[in-house]
Amino acid sequence: MRPCRIAGCTKQSEGYSSLCGAHKRRQRRHGSPTQTTISAMKLNPHRAGIKKWLDGRPEENG
């Protein structure tokens, strides 16, 4: 076993991977092992603007 390749991570890699379990899950979920989760709370301020933009479009499907 060797340490995870992400700087600052002290966990051990799993199997033949160069990433620990947490970074491997982030890689699979977000496409990057260093990407943090974007929560709904962070997106809430933008939802009203997006809805207004979509409602103003002439097409039926937005």
C-alpha atoms as a PDB file:
ATOM      1  CA  MET A   1       0.000   0.000   0.000  1.00  0.00           C
ATOM      2  CA  ARG A   2       1.136   3.484  -0.751  1.00  0.00           C
ATOM      3  CA  PRO A   3      -0.178   6.912   0.218  1.00  0.00           C
ATOM      4  CA  CYS A   4      -2.905   8.593  -1.823  1.00  0.00           C
ATOM      5  CA  ARG A   5      -1.477  10.731  -4.648  1.00  0.00           C
ATOM      6  CA  ILE A   6      -3.565  13.801  -3.710  1.00  0.00           C
ATOM      7  CA  ALA A   7      -1.477  16.428  -1.931  1.00  0.00           C
ATOM      8  CA  GLY A   8      -2.292  16.647   1.758  1.00  0.00           C
ATOM      9  CA  CYS A   9      -4.134  13.314   1.941  1.00  0.00           C
ATOM     10  CA  THR A  10      -2.593  10.924   4.461  1.00  0.00           C
ATOM     11  CA  LYS A  11      -4.803   7.896   3.716  1.00  0.00           C
ATOM     12  CA  GLN A  12      -3.529   4.777   1.996  1.00  0.00           C
ATOM     13  CA  SER A  13      -4.506   3.921  -1.579  1.00  0.00           C
ATOM     14  CA  GLU A  14      -6.745   0.929  -2.215  1.00  0.00           C
ATOM     15  CA  GLY A  15      -5.690  -1.976  -4.417  1.00  0.00           C
ATOM     16  CA  TYR A  16      -3.928  -0.993  -7.633  1.00  0.00           C
ATOM     17  CA  SER A  17      -5.339   2.531  -7.552  1.00  0.00           C
ATOM     18  CA  SER A  18      -3.230   5.538  -6.667  1.00  0.00           C
ATOM     19  CA  LEU A  19      -6.179   7.112  -4.816  1.00  0.00           C
ATOM     20  CA  CYS A  20      -7.709   6.441  -1.424  1.00  0.00           C
ATOM     21  CA  GLY A  21     -11.377   5.419  -1.185  1.00  0.00           C
ATOM     22  CA  ALA A  22     -12.688   8.944  -0.610  1.00  0.00           C
ATOM     23  CA  HIS A  23     -10.826  10.448  -3.556  1.00  0.00           C
ATOM     24  CA  LYS A  24     -11.747   7.491  -5.766  1.00  0.00           C
ATOM     25  CA  ARG A  25     -15.461   8.127  -5.038  1.00  0.00           C
ATOM     26  CA  ARG A  26     -15.058  11.833  -5.803  1.00  0.00           C
ATOM     27  CA  GLN A  27     -13.305  10.967  -9.080  1.00  0.00           C
ATOM     28  CA  ARG A  28     -16.188   8.711 -10.074  1.00  0.00           C
ATOM     29  CA  ARG A  29     -18.922  11.150  -8.965  1.00  0.00           C
ATOM     30  CA  HIS A  30     -17.509  14.516 -10.112  1.00  0.00           C
ATOM     31  CA  GLY A  31     -14.823  13.647 -12.651  1.00  0.00           C
ATOM     32  CA  SER A  32     -12.029  15.051 -10.475  1.00  0.00           C
ATOM     33  CA  PRO A  33     -10.698  13.683  -7.180  1.00  0.00           C
ATOM     34  CA  THR A  34     -10.301  17.199  -5.762  1.00  0.00           C
ATOM     35  CA  GLN A  35     -13.785  18.537  -6.675  1.00  0.00           C
ATOM     36  CA  THR A  36     -15.932  19.216  -3.630  1.00  0.00           C
ATOM     37  CA  THR A  37     -19.654  18.531  -3.546  1.00  0.00           C
ATOM     38  CA  ILE A  38     -21.870  21.389  -4.693  1.00  0.00           C
ATOM     39  CA  SER A  39     -24.807  21.473  -2.307  1.00  0.00           C
ATOM     40  CA  ALA A  40     -28.346  22.638  -3.039  1.00  0.00           C
ATOM     41  CA  MET A  41     -27.828  25.478  -0.571  1.00  0.00           C
ATOM     42  CA  LYS A  42     -25.020  26.876  -2.729  1.00  0.00           C
ATOM     43  CA  LEU A  43     -27.236  26.667  -5.827  1.00  0.00           C
ATOM     44  CA  ASN A  44     -30.352  28.306  -4.312  1.00  0.00           C
ATOM     45  CA  PRO A  45     -29.355  31.921  -5.094  1.00  0.00           C
ATOM     46  CA  HIS A  46     -29.042  31.051  -8.797  1.00  0.00           C
ATOM     47  CA  ARG A  47     -32.288  29.100  -9.193  1.00  0.00           C
ATOM     48  CA  ALA A  48     -34.544  32.175  -9.399  1.00  0.00           C
ATOM     49  CA  GLY A  49     -32.418  33.737 -12.142  1.00  0.00           C
ATOM     50  CA  ILE A  50     -32.330  30.521 -14.147  1.00  0.00           C
ATOM     51  CA  LYS A  51     -36.096  30.073 -13.817  1.00  0.00           C
ATOM     52  CA  LYS A  52     -36.690  33.666 -14.955  1.00  0.00           C
ATOM     53  CA  TRP A  53     -34.408  33.150 -17.960  1.00  0.00           C
ATOM     54  CA  LEU A  54     -36.105  29.870 -18.932  1.00  0.00           C
ATOM     55  CA  ASP A  55     -39.613  31.323 -18.556  1.00  0.00           C
ATOM     56  CA  GLY A  56     -38.684  34.238 -20.822  1.00  0.00           C
ATOM     57  CA  ARG A  57     -37.653  32.014 -23.721  1.00  0.00           C
ATOM     58  CA  PRO A  58     -40.093  31.706 -26.642  1.00  0.00           C
ATOM     59  CA  GLU A  59     -39.818  27.923 -27.012  1.00  0.00           C
ATOM     60  CA  GLU A  60     -42.248  25.670 -25.209  1.00  0.00           C
ATOM     61  CA  ASN A  61     -39.557  23.534 -23.580  1.00  0.00           C
ATOM     62  CA  GLY A  62     -37.395  26.435 -22.450  1.00  0.00           C
END
